[in-house]
């Protein structure tokens, strides 16, 4: 005999199938665009106020905003496009800790081991690329599951952008402080130029080396110094050295085309004594076009690695 519920009694609800929680935290689409727009606006306002008031109190803010303007936008962009399975903490950790450790590792060696010379650019490339790879290894030492080409591209780029942000702040500070006082124009020019070139420098080179490094990482998390890893490191060192040498190469080309001699020490120091107007125009052309030419093989290399990195767990 069945018993029916009295009229008006609400029936118990039978729970339906539960939807699984989203596997990765959701961040609003286009966050990186809003981050870029907001930071660019804030930097422009700071520059305007600093220029109008001639106040040195805003210089640290201007330097930090300009140095981190483009690099810090990489974090939300990389997470939205390629790194949801890696997580924000891994990308941000490589950006902050990796960038800082890379700078701390490279600066002392460059100060004690390098002197102005034609070979200085090669030495800088070898030291800085080794320091950034070491920072990437340190940042991922307790995350053995993160391996594969795509993970290396994303996290290597994060380390490189963190390094570039801190380096840009140093260059901006050096441009601002001179014997003649505060050079605000030189500071702004330095930040604009380095901001435009940021995606084609340290981030690009460490992405290449990191992609090959994590592609050969063992399943137990140990890093292998395999032949392709060493080859990739040497390759990005060459790109780095050529990038740094474009300033001196531009001076050499100007001297050759204008029919004047140029001593090797002037090439290393990076200036033309008493340049003419024609020499200044030629130098601007060559110094701006040189990094773009060096960036072409780097971009092609990253694209070829990206085609291989369909899964961040695919290791040989």
C-alpha atoms as a PDB file:
ATOM      1  CA  UNK A   1       0.000   0.000   0.000  1.00  0.00           C
ATOM      2  CA  UNK A   2       1.425   3.335  -0.979  1.00  0.00           C
ATOM      3  CA  UNK A   3       1.039   6.583   0.941  1.00  0.00           C
ATOM      4  CA  UNK A   4       0.731   9.820  -0.932  1.00  0.00           C
ATOM      5  CA  UNK A   5       1.804  13.105   0.524  1.00  0.00           C
ATOM      6  CA  UNK A   6      -0.936  15.463   1.722  1.00  0.00           C
ATOM      7  CA  UNK A   7      -1.918  18.119  -0.776  1.00  0.00           C
ATOM      8  CA  UNK A   8       0.322  21.182  -0.653  1.00  0.00           C
ATOM      9  CA  UNK A   9       3.287  19.324   0.763  1.00  0.00           C
ATOM     10  CA  UNK A  10       6.390  20.191  -1.279  1.00  0.00           C
ATOM     11  CA  UNK A  11       8.088  17.219  -2.797  1.00  0.00           C
ATOM     12  CA  UNK A  12      11.725  16.525  -2.048  1.00  0.00           C
ATOM     13  CA  UNK A  13      13.950  17.477  -4.921  1.00  0.00           C
ATOM     14  CA  UNK A  14      16.104  14.805  -6.437  1.00  0.00           C
ATOM     15  CA  UNK A  15      19.528  16.278  -7.157  1.00  0.00           C
ATOM     16  CA  UNK A  16      20.426  16.227 -10.812  1.00  0.00           C
ATOM     17  CA  UNK A  17      23.842  15.559 -12.291  1.00  0.00           C
ATOM     18  CA  UNK A  18      26.436  17.883 -10.845  1.00  0.00           C
ATOM     19  CA  UNK A  19      28.607  19.913 -13.183  1.00  0.00           C
ATOM     20  CA  UNK A  20      32.316  19.424 -12.527  1.00  0.00           C
ATOM     21  CA  UNK A  21      34.133  22.550 -11.393  1.00  0.00           C
ATOM     22  CA  UNK A  22      36.166  24.303 -14.046  1.00  0.00           C
ATOM     23  CA  UNK A  23      39.641  22.714 -14.221  1.00  0.00           C
ATOM     24  CA  UNK A  24      41.432  26.061 -14.211  1.00  0.00           C
ATOM     25  CA  UNK A  25      40.634  29.419 -12.611  1.00  0.00           C
ATOM     26  CA  UNK A  26      38.685  31.636 -14.932  1.00  0.00           C
ATOM     27  CA  UNK A  27      40.110  35.049 -15.705  1.00  0.00           C
ATOM     28  CA  UNK A  28      38.155  37.484 -17.800  1.00  0.00           C
ATOM     29  CA  UNK A  29      39.039  37.313 -21.467  1.00  0.00           C
ATOM     30  CA  UNK A  30      41.131  40.200 -22.655  1.00  0.00           C
ATOM     31  CA  UNK A  31      42.560  40.955 -19.221  1.00  0.00           C
ATOM     32  CA  UNK A  32      45.994  41.491 -20.734  1.00  0.00           C
ATOM     33  CA  UNK A  33      44.586  44.180 -23.059  1.00  0.00           C
ATOM     34  CA  UNK A  34      43.009  46.048 -20.161  1.00  0.00           C
ATOM     35  CA  UNK A  35      46.227  45.650 -18.189  1.00  0.00           C
ATOM     36  CA  UNK A  36      48.253  47.084 -21.048  1.00  0.00           C
ATOM     37  CA  UNK A  37      45.867  49.989 -21.586  1.00  0.00           C
ATOM     38  CA  UNK A  38      45.670  50.833 -17.901  1.00  0.00           C
ATOM     39  CA  UNK A  39      49.402  50.671 -17.325  1.00  0.00           C
ATOM     40  CA  UNK A  40      50.124  52.676 -20.472  1.00  0.00           C
ATOM     41  CA  UNK A  41      47.694  55.394 -19.371  1.00  0.00           C
ATOM     42  CA  UNK A  42      49.170  55.490 -15.875  1.00  0.00           C
ATOM     43  CA  UNK A  43      52.726  55.699 -17.244  1.00  0.00           C
ATOM     44  CA  UNK A  44      51.766  58.524 -19.650  1.00  0.00           C
ATOM     45  CA  UNK A  45      50.084  60.497 -16.854  1.00  0.00           C
ATOM     46  CA  UNK A  46      53.101  60.018 -14.589  1.00  0.00           C
ATOM     47  CA  UNK A  47      55.435  61.153 -17.361  1.00  0.00           C
ATOM     48  CA  UNK A  48      53.273  64.214 -18.038  1.00  0.00           C
ATOM     49  CA  UNK A  49      53.106  65.222 -14.384  1.00  0.00           C
ATOM     50  CA  UNK A  50      56.841  64.642 -13.926  1.00  0.00           C
ATOM     51  CA  UNK A  51      57.666  66.698 -17.007  1.00  0.00           C
ATOM     52  CA  UNK A  52      55.276  69.496 -16.001  1.00  0.00           C
ATOM     53  CA  UNK A  53      56.334  69.768 -12.382  1.00  0.00           C
ATOM     54  CA  UNK A  54      59.993  68.779 -12.869  1.00  0.00           C
ATOM     55  CA  UNK A  55      59.635  66.863  -9.613  1.00  0.00           C
ATOM     56  CA  UNK A  56      62.229  64.195  -8.902  1.00  0.00           C
ATOM     57  CA  UNK A  57      59.920  62.544  -6.361  1.00  0.00           C
ATOM     58  CA  UNK A  58      58.039  60.800  -9.199  1.00  0.00           C
ATOM     59  CA  UNK A  59      61.154  59.442 -10.914  1.00  0.00           C
ATOM     60  CA  UNK A  60      61.126  56.056  -9.095  1.00  0.00           C
ATOM     61  CA  UNK A  61      57.448  55.598  -9.997  1.00  0.00           C
ATOM     62  CA  UNK A  62      58.096  56.555 -13.612  1.00  0.00           C
ATOM     63  CA  UNK A  63      61.059  54.194 -13.869  1.00  0.00           C
ATOM     64  CA  UNK A  64      59.171  51.239 -12.380  1.00  0.00           C
ATOM     65  CA  UNK A  65      56.037  51.819 -14.454  1.00  0.00           C
ATOM     66  CA  UNK A  66      58.047  52.136 -17.652  1.00  0.00           C
ATOM     67  CA  UNK A  67      60.351  49.206 -16.963  1.00  0.00           C
ATOM     68  CA  UNK A  68      57.519  46.807 -16.104  1.00  0.00           C
ATOM     69  CA  UNK A  69      54.980  48.215 -18.602  1.00  0.00           C
ATOM     70  CA  UNK A  70      55.323  45.626 -21.374  1.00  0.00           C
ATOM     71  CA  UNK A  71      56.951  42.703 -19.486  1.00  0.00           C
ATOM     72  CA  UNK A  72      54.285  42.463 -16.791  1.00  0.00           C
ATOM     73  CA  UNK A  73      51.499  42.286 -19.400  1.00  0.00           C
ATOM     74  CA  UNK A  74      53.020  39.004 -20.549  1.00  0.00           C
ATOM     75  CA  UNK A  75      51.762  37.224 -17.395  1.00  0.00           C
ATOM     76  CA  UNK A  76      47.991  37.530 -18.085  1.00  0.00           C
ATOM     77  CA  UNK A  77      48.565  37.125 -21.837  1.00  0.00           C
ATOM     78  CA  UNK A  78      50.510  33.877 -21.376  1.00  0.00           C
ATOM     79  CA  UNK A  79      47.943  32.534 -18.899  1.00  0.00           C
ATOM     80  CA  UNK A  80      44.978  33.299 -21.146  1.00  0.00           C
ATOM     81  CA  UNK A  81      46.536  32.006 -24.356  1.00  0.00           C
ATOM     82  CA  UNK A  82      48.880  29.181 -23.435  1.00  0.00           C
ATOM     83  CA  UNK A  83      49.230  28.585 -19.714  1.00  0.00           C
ATOM     84  CA  UNK A  84      45.921  27.810 -17.994  1.00  0.00           C
ATOM     85  CA  UNK A  85      47.116  24.304 -17.182  1.00  0.00           C
ATOM     86  CA  UNK A  86      50.373  25.652 -15.791  1.00  0.00           C
ATOM     87  CA  UNK A  87      48.639  28.043 -13.406  1.00  0.00           C
ATOM     88  CA  UNK A  88      49.088  31.689 -12.535  1.00  0.00           C
ATOM     89  CA  UNK A  89      51.449  30.909  -9.655  1.00  0.00           C
ATOM     90  CA  UNK A  90      53.953  29.111 -11.889  1.00  0.00           C
ATOM     91  CA  UNK A  91      53.994  31.878 -14.502  1.00  0.00           C
ATOM     92  CA  UNK A  92      54.094  34.694 -11.961  1.00  0.00           C
ATOM     93  CA  UNK A  93      56.694  32.878  -9.858  1.00  0.00           C
ATOM     94  CA  UNK A  94      59.009  32.473 -12.847  1.00  0.00           C
ATOM     95  CA  UNK A  95      58.478  36.123 -13.760  1.00  0.00           C
ATOM     96  CA  UNK A  96      59.311  37.483 -10.299  1.00  0.00           C
ATOM     97  CA  UNK A  97      61.697  35.007  -8.718  1.00  0.00           C
ATOM     98  CA  UNK A  98      63.270  33.919 -11.982  1.00  0.00           C
ATOM     99  CA  UNK A  99      63.847  37.467 -13.193  1.00  0.00           C
ATOM    100  CA  UNK A 100      65.355  38.601  -9.902  1.00  0.00           C
ATOM    101  CA  UNK A 101      67.591  35.534  -9.571  1.00  0.00           C
ATOM    102  CA  UNK A 102      68.732  35.938 -13.158  1.00  0.00           C
ATOM    103  CA  UNK A 103      69.773  39.532 -12.506  1.00  0.00           C
ATOM    104  CA  UNK A 104      71.510  38.605  -9.235  1.00  0.00           C
ATOM    105  CA  UNK A 105      73.390  35.813 -10.966  1.00  0.00           C
ATOM    106  CA  UNK A 106      74.426  37.792 -14.042  1.00  0.00           C
ATOM    107  CA  UNK A 107      75.393  41.180 -12.602  1.00  0.00           C
ATOM    108  CA  UNK A 108      78.294  40.106 -10.324  1.00  0.00           C
ATOM    109  CA  UNK A 109      79.872  37.937 -13.044  1.00  0.00           C
ATOM    110  CA  UNK A 110      79.617  40.720 -15.615  1.00  0.00           C
ATOM    111  CA  UNK A 111      81.153  43.233 -13.189  1.00  0.00           C
ATOM    112  CA  UNK A 112      84.171  41.086 -12.312  1.00  0.00           C
ATOM    113  CA  UNK A 113      84.778  39.137 -15.518  1.00  0.00           C
ATOM    114  CA  UNK A 114      84.039  41.565 -18.363  1.00  0.00           C
ATOM    115  CA  UNK A 115      85.857  44.660 -19.548  1.00  0.00           C
ATOM    116  CA  UNK A 116      85.060  46.855 -22.584  1.00  0.00           C
ATOM    117  CA  UNK A 117      86.273  44.967 -25.641  1.00  0.00           C
ATOM    118  CA  UNK A 118      85.037  43.453 -28.888  1.00  0.00           C
ATOM    119  CA  UNK A 119      84.400  40.160 -27.106  1.00  0.00           C
ATOM    120  CA  UNK A 120      82.384  41.731 -24.307  1.00  0.00           C
ATOM    121  CA  UNK A 121      79.065  41.163 -26.102  1.00  0.00           C
ATOM    122  CA  UNK A 122      79.730  37.422 -26.354  1.00  0.00           C
ATOM    123  CA  UNK A 123      80.589  37.278 -22.671  1.00  0.00           C
ATOM    124  CA  UNK A 124      77.423  39.129 -21.700  1.00  0.00           C
ATOM    125  CA  UNK A 125      75.310  36.764 -23.782  1.00  0.00           C
ATOM    126  CA  UNK A 126      76.890  33.643 -22.269  1.00  0.00           C
ATOM    127  CA  UNK A 127      76.573  34.903 -18.691  1.00  0.00           C
ATOM    128  CA  UNK A 128      73.036  36.282 -18.862  1.00  0.00           C
ATOM    129  CA  UNK A 129      71.546  33.337 -20.752  1.00  0.00           C
ATOM    130  CA  UNK A 130      73.150  30.884 -18.313  1.00  0.00           C
ATOM    131  CA  UNK A 131      71.865  32.910 -15.350  1.00  0.00           C
ATOM    132  CA  UNK A 132      68.306  32.972 -16.704  1.00  0.00           C
ATOM    133  CA  UNK A 133      68.295  29.229 -17.383  1.00  0.00           C
ATOM    134  CA  UNK A 134      69.612  28.651 -13.874  1.00  0.00           C
ATOM    135  CA  UNK A 135      66.805  30.829 -12.516  1.00  0.00           C
ATOM    136  CA  UNK A 136      64.234  28.788 -14.468  1.00  0.00           C
ATOM    137  CA  UNK A 137      65.644  25.544 -13.063  1.00  0.00           C
ATOM    138  CA  UNK A 138      65.529  26.950  -9.535  1.00  0.00           C
ATOM    139  CA  UNK A 139      61.957  28.221  -9.919  1.00  0.00           C
ATOM    140  CA  UNK A 140      60.727  24.797 -11.110  1.00  0.00           C
ATOM    141  CA  UNK A 141      62.849  22.595  -8.877  1.00  0.00           C
ATOM    142  CA  UNK A 142      59.830  21.495  -6.774  1.00  0.00           C
ATOM    143  CA  UNK A 143      57.394  21.092  -9.655  1.00  0.00           C
ATOM    144  CA  UNK A 144      58.533  17.904 -11.440  1.00  0.00           C
ATOM    145  CA  UNK A 145      55.277  17.588 -13.385  1.00  0.00           C
ATOM    146  CA  UNK A 146      55.922  20.716 -15.423  1.00  0.00           C
ATOM    147  CA  UNK A 147      57.800  19.655 -18.515  1.00  0.00           C
ATOM    148  CA  UNK A 148      57.481  19.721 -22.280  1.00  0.00           C
ATOM    149  CA  UNK A 149      58.127  22.217 -25.042  1.00  0.00           C
ATOM    150  CA  UNK A 150      55.111  24.454 -24.473  1.00  0.00           C
ATOM    151  CA  UNK A 151      55.694  24.748 -20.730  1.00  0.00           C
ATOM    152  CA  UNK A 152      59.294  25.680 -21.406  1.00  0.00           C
ATOM    153  CA  UNK A 153      58.325  28.323 -23.936  1.00  0.00           C
ATOM    154  CA  UNK A 154      55.817  29.967 -21.585  1.00  0.00           C
ATOM    155  CA  UNK A 155      57.829  29.793 -18.371  1.00  0.00           C
ATOM    156  CA  UNK A 156      61.136  30.553 -20.068  1.00  0.00           C
ATOM    157  CA  UNK A 157      59.580  33.669 -21.551  1.00  0.00           C
ATOM    158  CA  UNK A 158      58.267  34.599 -18.092  1.00  0.00           C
ATOM    159  CA  UNK A 159      61.803  34.448 -16.671  1.00  0.00           C
ATOM    160  CA  UNK A 160      63.115  36.464 -19.617  1.00  0.00           C
ATOM    161  CA  UNK A 161      60.466  39.160 -19.271  1.00  0.00           C
ATOM    162  CA  UNK A 162      61.124  39.426 -15.539  1.00  0.00           C
ATOM    163  CA  UNK A 163      64.821  39.863 -16.288  1.00  0.00           C
ATOM    164  CA  UNK A 164      64.046  42.433 -18.996  1.00  0.00           C
ATOM    165  CA  UNK A 165      61.819  44.461 -16.653  1.00  0.00           C
ATOM    166  CA  UNK A 166      64.505  44.800 -14.000  1.00  0.00           C
ATOM    167  CA  UNK A 167      67.198  45.488 -16.582  1.00  0.00           C
ATOM    168  CA  UNK A 168      65.058  48.193 -18.213  1.00  0.00           C
ATOM    169  CA  UNK A 169      64.619  49.892 -14.849  1.00  0.00           C
ATOM    170  CA  UNK A 170      68.397  49.925 -14.458  1.00  0.00           C
ATOM    171  CA  UNK A 171      68.941  51.388 -17.926  1.00  0.00           C
ATOM    172  CA  UNK A 172      66.246  54.022 -17.333  1.00  0.00           C
ATOM    173  CA  UNK A 173      67.840  55.037 -14.045  1.00  0.00           C
ATOM    174  CA  UNK A 174      71.238  55.297 -15.736  1.00  0.00           C
ATOM    175  CA  UNK A 175      69.768  57.429 -18.517  1.00  0.00           C
ATOM    176  CA  UNK A 176      68.055  59.739 -16.024  1.00  0.00           C
ATOM    177  CA  UNK A 177      71.059  60.338 -13.784  1.00  0.00           C
ATOM    178  CA  UNK A 178      73.931  62.226 -15.371  1.00  0.00           C
ATOM    179  CA  UNK A 179      76.559  64.787 -14.468  1.00  0.00           C
ATOM    180  CA  UNK A 180      74.277  67.520 -15.800  1.00  0.00           C
ATOM    181  CA  UNK A 181      71.383  66.541 -13.542  1.00  0.00           C
ATOM    182  CA  UNK A 182      68.212  64.581 -14.261  1.00  0.00           C
ATOM    183  CA  UNK A 183      67.725  63.781 -17.936  1.00  0.00           C
ATOM    184  CA  UNK A 184      63.988  63.205 -18.190  1.00  0.00           C
ATOM    185  CA  UNK A 185      64.005  63.129 -21.980  1.00  0.00           C
ATOM    186  CA  UNK A 186      66.705  60.457 -22.053  1.00  0.00           C
ATOM    187  CA  UNK A 187      64.771  58.438 -19.485  1.00  0.00           C
ATOM    188  CA  UNK A 188      61.548  58.517 -21.532  1.00  0.00           C
ATOM    189  CA  UNK A 189      63.357  57.685 -24.768  1.00  0.00           C
ATOM    190  CA  UNK A 190      65.049  54.718 -23.105  1.00  0.00           C
ATOM    191  CA  UNK A 191      61.802  53.379 -21.679  1.00  0.00           C
ATOM    192  CA  UNK A 192      59.905  53.751 -24.947  1.00  0.00           C
ATOM    193  CA  UNK A 193      62.630  52.064 -26.994  1.00  0.00           C
ATOM    194  CA  UNK A 194      63.093  49.181 -24.570  1.00  0.00           C
ATOM    195  CA  UNK A 195      59.337  48.757 -24.207  1.00  0.00           C
ATOM    196  CA  UNK A 196      58.891  48.403 -27.973  1.00  0.00           C
ATOM    197  CA  UNK A 197      61.783  45.943 -28.266  1.00  0.00           C
ATOM    198  CA  UNK A 198      60.940  43.946 -25.108  1.00  0.00           C
ATOM    199  CA  UNK A 199      59.040  41.093 -26.839  1.00  0.00           C
ATOM    200  CA  UNK A 200      62.002  40.408 -29.147  1.00  0.00           C
ATOM    201  CA  UNK A 201      64.792  40.310 -26.572  1.00  0.00           C
ATOM    202  CA  UNK A 202      65.192  38.462 -23.277  1.00  0.00           C
ATOM    203  CA  UNK A 203      61.705  36.962 -23.319  1.00  0.00           C
ATOM    204  CA  UNK A 204      62.259  35.496 -26.774  1.00  0.00           C
ATOM    205  CA  UNK A 205      65.719  34.085 -26.042  1.00  0.00           C
ATOM    206  CA  UNK A 206      64.816  32.457 -22.725  1.00  0.00           C
ATOM    207  CA  UNK A 207      61.630  31.039 -24.235  1.00  0.00           C
ATOM    208  CA  UNK A 208      63.749  29.191 -26.817  1.00  0.00           C
ATOM    209  CA  UNK A 209      66.250  27.854 -24.300  1.00  0.00           C
ATOM    210  CA  UNK A 210      63.501  27.025 -21.788  1.00  0.00           C
ATOM    211  CA  UNK A 211      61.430  25.187 -24.386  1.00  0.00           C
ATOM    212  CA  UNK A 212      64.320  22.894 -25.285  1.00  0.00           C
ATOM    213  CA  UNK A 213      65.334  22.471 -21.619  1.00  0.00           C
ATOM    214  CA  UNK A 214      61.880  21.358 -20.447  1.00  0.00           C
ATOM    215  CA  UNK A 215      61.384  19.215 -23.535  1.00  0.00           C
ATOM    216  CA  UNK A 216      64.281  17.082 -22.259  1.00  0.00           C
ATOM    217  CA  UNK A 217      63.305  17.126 -18.593  1.00  0.00           C
ATOM    218  CA  UNK A 218      62.957  13.633 -17.120  1.00  0.00           C
ATOM    219  CA  UNK A 219      59.595  12.419 -15.761  1.00  0.00           C
ATOM    220  CA  UNK A 220      61.064  12.448 -12.239  1.00  0.00           C
ATOM    221  CA  UNK A 221      61.766  16.172 -12.580  1.00  0.00           C
ATOM    222  CA  UNK A 222      65.522  16.003 -13.111  1.00  0.00           C
ATOM    223  CA  UNK A 223      66.914  18.364 -15.706  1.00  0.00           C
ATOM    224  CA  UNK A 224      69.170  16.950 -18.419  1.00  0.00           C
ATOM    225  CA  UNK A 225      72.065  18.837 -19.941  1.00  0.00           C
ATOM    226  CA  UNK A 226      71.457  17.118 -23.262  1.00  0.00           C
ATOM    227  CA  UNK A 227      73.184  18.131 -26.487  1.00  0.00           C
ATOM    228  CA  UNK A 228      70.071  19.952 -27.859  1.00  0.00           C
ATOM    229  CA  UNK A 229      69.860  21.942 -24.608  1.00  0.00           C
ATOM    230  CA  UNK A 230      73.483  23.075 -24.878  1.00  0.00           C
ATOM    231  CA  UNK A 231      72.978  23.827 -28.570  1.00  0.00           C
ATOM    232  CA  UNK A 232      69.895  25.936 -27.871  1.00  0.00           C
ATOM    233  CA  UNK A 233      71.726  27.831 -25.121  1.00  0.00           C
ATOM    234  CA  UNK A 234      74.657  28.572 -27.429  1.00  0.00           C
ATOM    235  CA  UNK A 235      72.252  29.601 -30.198  1.00  0.00           C
ATOM    236  CA  UNK A 236      70.422  32.139 -28.056  1.00  0.00           C
ATOM    237  CA  UNK A 237      73.794  33.392 -26.769  1.00  0.00           C
ATOM    238  CA  UNK A 238      74.708  34.173 -30.369  1.00  0.00           C
ATOM    239  CA  UNK A 239      71.413  36.023 -30.893  1.00  0.00           C
ATOM    240  CA  UNK A 240      71.951  37.900 -27.627  1.00  0.00           C
ATOM    241  CA  UNK A 241      75.506  38.887 -28.573  1.00  0.00           C
ATOM    242  CA  UNK A 242      74.423  40.075 -32.020  1.00  0.00           C
ATOM    243  CA  UNK A 243      71.585  42.095 -30.458  1.00  0.00           C
ATOM    244  CA  UNK A 244      73.957  43.816 -28.039  1.00  0.00           C
ATOM    245  CA  UNK A 245      76.513  44.390 -30.777  1.00  0.00           C
ATOM    246  CA  UNK A 246      74.073  46.125 -33.140  1.00  0.00           C
ATOM    247  CA  UNK A 247      74.953  49.469 -31.542  1.00  0.00           C
ATOM    248  CA  UNK A 248      78.643  48.981 -32.284  1.00  0.00           C
ATOM    249  CA  UNK A 249      77.924  47.477 -35.688  1.00  0.00           C
ATOM    250  CA  UNK A 250      75.861  50.558 -36.548  1.00  0.00           C
ATOM    251  CA  UNK A 251      78.820  52.761 -35.625  1.00  0.00           C
ATOM    252  CA  UNK A 252      81.157  50.636 -37.752  1.00  0.00           C
ATOM    253  CA  UNK A 253      78.788  50.800 -40.752  1.00  0.00           C
ATOM    254  CA  UNK A 254      78.449  54.571 -40.412  1.00  0.00           C
ATOM    255  CA  UNK A 255      82.225  54.940 -40.301  1.00  0.00           C
ATOM    256  CA  UNK A 256      82.687  52.706 -43.335  1.00  0.00           C
ATOM    257  CA  UNK A 257      80.019  54.417 -45.413  1.00  0.00           C
ATOM    258  CA  UNK A 258      81.202  57.908 -44.478  1.00  0.00           C
ATOM    259  CA  UNK A 259      84.801  57.068 -45.274  1.00  0.00           C
ATOM    260  CA  UNK A 260      86.243  57.613 -41.783  1.00  0.00           C
ATOM    261  CA  UNK A 261      88.317  55.188 -39.781  1.00  0.00           C
ATOM    262  CA  UNK A 262      87.141  53.699 -36.495  1.00  0.00           C
ATOM    263  CA  UNK A 263      89.337  52.251 -33.771  1.00  0.00           C
ATOM    264  CA  UNK A 264      88.193  49.012 -32.083  1.00  0.00           C
ATOM    265  CA  UNK A 265      87.934  50.714 -28.680  1.00  0.00           C
ATOM    266  CA  UNK A 266      85.384  53.175 -30.059  1.00  0.00           C
ATOM    267  CA  UNK A 267      83.344  50.244 -31.337  1.00  0.00           C
ATOM    268  CA  UNK A 268      83.273  48.754 -27.840  1.00  0.00           C
ATOM    269  CA  UNK A 269      82.547  52.057 -26.113  1.00  0.00           C
ATOM    270  CA  UNK A 270      79.754  52.830 -28.558  1.00  0.00           C
ATOM    271  CA  UNK A 271      80.058  56.433 -29.686  1.00  0.00           C
ATOM    272  CA  UNK A 272      81.147  58.474 -32.700  1.00  0.00           C
ATOM    273  CA  UNK A 273      83.336  61.477 -31.881  1.00  0.00           C
ATOM    274  CA  UNK A 274      81.819  64.675 -33.251  1.00  0.00           C
ATOM    275  CA  UNK A 275      79.365  63.047 -35.689  1.00  0.00           C
ATOM    276  CA  UNK A 276      78.012  64.982 -38.641  1.00  0.00           C
ATOM    277  CA  UNK A 277      74.291  65.299 -39.373  1.00  0.00           C
ATOM    278  CA  UNK A 278      74.524  62.615 -42.084  1.00  0.00           C
ATOM    279  CA  UNK A 279      76.311  60.270 -39.679  1.00  0.00           C
ATOM    280  CA  UNK A 280      73.637  60.800 -37.048  1.00  0.00           C
ATOM    281  CA  UNK A 281      70.864  59.898 -39.508  1.00  0.00           C
ATOM    282  CA  UNK A 282      72.714  56.792 -40.688  1.00  0.00           C
ATOM    283  CA  UNK A 283      73.381  55.718 -37.120  1.00  0.00           C
ATOM    284  CA  UNK A 284      69.691  56.063 -36.200  1.00  0.00           C
ATOM    285  CA  UNK A 285      68.715  53.942 -39.196  1.00  0.00           C
ATOM    286  CA  UNK A 286      71.219  51.161 -38.533  1.00  0.00           C
ATOM    287  CA  UNK A 287      70.789  51.078 -34.757  1.00  0.00           C
ATOM    288  CA  UNK A 288      66.998  50.799 -35.080  1.00  0.00           C
ATOM    289  CA  UNK A 289      67.011  48.251 -37.901  1.00  0.00           C
ATOM    290  CA  UNK A 290      69.715  46.013 -36.451  1.00  0.00           C
ATOM    291  CA  UNK A 291      67.695  44.546 -33.553  1.00  0.00           C
ATOM    292  CA  UNK A 292      64.762  43.880 -35.869  1.00  0.00           C
ATOM    293  CA  UNK A 293      66.995  41.862 -38.194  1.00  0.00           C
ATOM    294  CA  UNK A 294      68.368  39.882 -35.255  1.00  0.00           C
ATOM    295  CA  UNK A 295      64.815  39.225 -34.015  1.00  0.00           C
ATOM    296  CA  UNK A 296      63.747  37.505 -37.261  1.00  0.00           C
ATOM    297  CA  UNK A 297      65.595  34.190 -36.724  1.00  0.00           C
ATOM    298  CA  UNK A 298      64.573  34.188 -33.057  1.00  0.00           C
ATOM    299  CA  UNK A 299      60.883  34.537 -33.895  1.00  0.00           C
ATOM    300  CA  UNK A 300      61.183  31.795 -36.536  1.00  0.00           C
ATOM    301  CA  UNK A 301      62.897  29.528 -33.980  1.00  0.00           C
ATOM    302  CA  UNK A 302      60.141  30.070 -31.401  1.00  0.00           C
ATOM    303  CA  UNK A 303      57.459  29.364 -33.982  1.00  0.00           C
ATOM    304  CA  UNK A 304      59.098  26.087 -34.972  1.00  0.00           C
ATOM    305  CA  UNK A 305      59.302  25.025 -31.318  1.00  0.00           C
ATOM    306  CA  UNK A 306      55.690  26.053 -30.725  1.00  0.00           C
ATOM    307  CA  UNK A 307      54.522  23.737 -33.511  1.00  0.00           C
ATOM    308  CA  UNK A 308      56.214  20.866 -31.685  1.00  0.00           C
ATOM    309  CA  UNK A 309      54.800  21.812 -28.281  1.00  0.00           C
ATOM    310  CA  UNK A 310      51.190  20.673 -28.719  1.00  0.00           C
ATOM    311  CA  UNK A 311      51.200  19.277 -25.181  1.00  0.00           C
ATOM    312  CA  UNK A 312      53.129  20.548 -22.204  1.00  0.00           C
ATOM    313  CA  UNK A 313      53.735  16.963 -21.065  1.00  0.00           C
ATOM    314  CA  UNK A 314      55.173  15.588 -24.284  1.00  0.00           C
ATOM    315  CA  UNK A 315      58.831  14.882 -23.675  1.00  0.00           C
ATOM    316  CA  UNK A 316      61.088  12.735 -25.809  1.00  0.00           C
END
